[in-house]
Structure formats: structure tokens, C-alpha cells
C-alpha atoms as a PDB file:
ATOM      1  CA  MET A   1     -21.106 -26.084  -1.093  1.00  0.00           C
ATOM      2  CA  ASN A   2     -24.033 -26.025  -3.065  1.00  0.00           C
ATOM      3  CA  ARG A   3     -23.274 -26.219  -6.878  1.00  0.00           C
ATOM      4  CA  THR A   4     -25.199 -23.332  -9.090  1.00  0.00           C
ATOM      5  CA  GLN A   5     -24.935 -23.071 -12.295  1.00  0.00           C
ATOM      6  CA  VAL A   6     -24.857 -19.258 -13.295  1.00  0.00           C
ATOM      7  CA  GLN A   7     -24.552 -17.443 -16.859  1.00  0.00           C
ATOM      8  CA  LEU A   8     -21.727 -14.466 -17.072  1.00  0.00           C
ATOM      9  CA  THR A   9     -21.659 -12.236 -19.789  1.00  0.00           C
ATOM     10  CA  GLU A  10     -19.101 -12.307 -22.029  1.00  0.00           C
ATOM     11  CA  LYS A  11     -17.465  -8.918 -20.715  1.00  0.00           C
ATOM     12  CA  GLN A  12     -17.848 -11.085 -16.725  1.00  0.00           C
ATOM     13  CA  SER A  13     -15.793 -13.683 -17.519  1.00  0.00           C
ATOM     14  CA  VAL A  14     -13.120 -12.407 -19.336  1.00  0.00           C
ATOM     15  CA  LEU A  15     -12.986 -10.208 -16.301  1.00  0.00           C
ATOM     16  CA  VAL A  16     -13.563 -12.430 -13.673  1.00  0.00           C
ATOM     17  CA  LYS A  17     -10.860 -15.401 -15.647  1.00  0.00           C
ATOM     18  CA  ARG A  18      -8.531 -13.179 -15.538  1.00  0.00           C
ATOM     19  CA  LEU A  19      -9.184 -11.615 -11.236  1.00  0.00           C
ATOM     20  CA  ALA A  20      -8.507 -15.470 -11.209  1.00  0.00           C
ATOM     21  CA  ALA A  21      -5.740 -15.854 -12.376  1.00  0.00           C
ATOM     22  CA  GLU A  22      -3.664 -12.546 -10.935  1.00  0.00           C
ATOM     23  CA  GLN A  23      -4.878 -14.154  -7.666  1.00  0.00           C
ATOM     24  CA  HIS A  24      -4.230 -17.547  -8.249  1.00  0.00           C
ATOM     25  CA  VAL A  25      -7.813 -19.155  -6.991  1.00  0.00           C
ATOM     26  CA  SER A  26     -10.546 -20.256  -9.584  1.00  0.00           C
ATOM     27  CA  MET A  27     -13.784 -18.153 -11.156  1.00  0.00           C
ATOM     28  CA  SER A  28     -15.775 -20.167  -8.334  1.00  0.00           C
ATOM     29  CA  THR A  29     -13.928 -18.399  -5.503  1.00  0.00           C
ATOM     30  CA  ILE A  30     -14.239 -14.710  -7.116  1.00  0.00           C
ATOM     31  CA  ILE A  31     -17.477 -15.472  -7.650  1.00  0.00           C
ATOM     32  CA  ARG A  32     -18.205 -16.202  -4.143  1.00  0.00           C
ATOM     33  CA  GLN A  33     -15.877 -13.421  -2.835  1.00  0.00           C
ATOM     34  CA  GLY A  34     -18.239 -11.010  -5.116  1.00  0.00           C
ATOM     35  CA  VAL A  35     -21.808 -12.691  -3.660  1.00  0.00           C
ATOM     36  CA  ASP A  36     -20.265 -12.393   0.021  1.00  0.00           C
ATOM     37  CA  SER A  37     -19.326  -8.551  -0.743  1.00  0.00           C
ATOM     38  CA  ILE A  38     -23.005  -7.882  -1.801  1.00  0.00           C
ATOM     39  CA  LEU A  39     -24.350  -9.507   1.187  1.00  0.00           C
ATOM     40  CA  THR A  40     -22.106  -7.804   3.344  1.00  0.00           C
ATOM     41  CA  GLN A  41     -23.045  -4.389   2.097  1.00  0.00           C
ATOM     42  CA  ARG A  42     -26.904  -5.258   2.602  1.00  0.00           C
ATOM     43  CA  GLU A  43     -26.474  -6.330   5.822  1.00  0.00           C
ATOM     44  CA  SER A  44     -24.389  -2.722   6.772  1.00  0.00           C
ATOM     45  CA  VAL A  45     -26.824  -1.230   4.640  1.00  0.00           C
ATOM     46  CA  ALA A  46     -29.490  -2.682   7.334  1.00  0.00           C
ATOM     47  CA  ARG A  47     -27.856  -2.327   9.870  1.00  0.00           C
ATOM     48  CA  GLU A  48     -27.401   1.496   9.370  1.00  0.00           C
ATOM     49  CA  GLU A  49     -31.466   2.268   8.016  1.00  0.00           C
ATOM     50  CA  ARG A  50     -32.114   0.356  11.641  1.00  0.00           C
ATOM     51  CA  ILE A  51     -30.017   2.443  13.553  1.00  0.00           C
ATOM     52  CA  ARG A  52     -31.082   5.623  11.362  1.00  0.00           C
ATOM     53  CA  ARG A  53     -34.576   5.252  12.620  1.00  0.00           C
ATOM     54  CA  ALA A  54     -34.049   4.567  15.973  1.00  0.00           C
ATOM     55  CA  LEU A  55     -32.391   7.879  16.273  1.00  0.00           C
ATOM     56  CA  ALA A  56     -35.244   9.321  14.681  1.00  0.00           C
ATOM     57  CA  ALA A  57     -37.446   7.942  16.880  1.00  0.00           C
ATOM     58  CA  ALA A  58     -35.399   8.970  19.760  1.00  0.00           C
ATOM     59  CA  GLY A  59     -37.179  11.872  22.456  1.00  0.00           C
ATOM     60  CA  ARG A  60     -39.879  11.902  20.097  1.00  0.00           C
ATOM     61  CA  PHE A  61     -42.860  10.611  22.545  1.00  0.00           C
ATOM     62  CA  LYS A  62     -43.849  11.560  26.212  1.00  0.00           C
ATOM     63  CA  SER A  63     -44.649   9.678  29.013  1.00  0.00           C
ATOM     64  CA  GLY A  64     -46.301  12.337  31.296  1.00  0.00           C
ATOM     65  CA  ARG A  65     -43.699  10.522  33.726  1.00  0.00           C
ATOM     66  CA  SER A  66     -41.117  12.762  35.618  1.00  0.00           C
ATOM     67  CA  ASP A  67     -39.771   9.558  36.641  1.00  0.00           C
ATOM     68  CA  VAL A  68     -38.520   7.148  33.686  1.00  0.00           C
ATOM     69  CA  SER A  69     -34.998   7.151  33.971  1.00  0.00           C
ATOM     70  CA  GLN A  70     -34.821   6.612  37.782  1.00  0.00           C
ATOM     71  CA  ARG A  71     -37.987   3.881  37.720  1.00  0.00           C
ATOM     72  CA  HIS A  72     -37.037   3.072  34.260  1.00  0.00           C
ATOM     73  CA  ASP A  73     -37.492  -1.130  34.705  1.00  0.00           C
ATOM     74  CA  ALA A  74     -40.693  -0.825  37.592  1.00  0.00           C
ATOM     75  CA  HIS A  75     -42.094   1.197  33.906  1.00  0.00           C
ATOM     76  CA  LEU A  76     -40.919  -1.482  31.682  1.00  0.00           C
ATOM     77  CA  GLU A  77     -42.447  -4.179  33.715  1.00  0.00           C
ATOM     78  CA  GLU A  78     -45.523  -2.450  34.093  1.00  0.00           C
ATOM     79  CA  ALA A  79     -46.506  -2.077  30.734  1.00  0.00           C
ATOM     80  CA  PHE A  80     -45.254  -5.941  29.667  1.00  0.00           C
ATOM     81  CA  ARG A  81     -48.235  -6.554  32.573  1.00  0.00           C
ATOM     82  CA  ALA A  82     -50.938  -4.709  30.969  1.00  0.00           C
END
């Protein structure tokens, strides 16, 4: 683990200490859990945004070919050769 120094407001310090005492863990554990929560939430939002963009793009482009669903591998191979 990396040692990091952070500064909390008086209110944050009191609340983190209280929560740590209630859960019988250190303040460091509470702070790490908070950081993990923020990072997990950001990852989730990023994933949801990628899904939203993919769904928005689906069906918006036309190749002009009628056999894409049957010959998608061949068309993909052709596209990568180009």
C-alpha cells in the first residue's frame, strides 16, 4: 500500500471517526472504501456511456449490401485487408 496524507474538514473528520468506530475499523479503511466507491461509480458511468453510445450508433449506417448478416466474416476480412 502507498502511504498518503489527506486533509479533512473538521466535520469530515468527526463523521469518518464515528463511522470507523461504529464499524470497528480504522479511519484509513473508511477512506479507502470511499475511494473505492467513487472509482467503481466512475467505471460504471463510463461503461454505461459506452453502451449508450453504441446503442445510439446501431442501425445508423448503411453499407448498401443485402448479405451482411450472412457474410459478415467475409466482409470484415475484406475491410481489414483494405
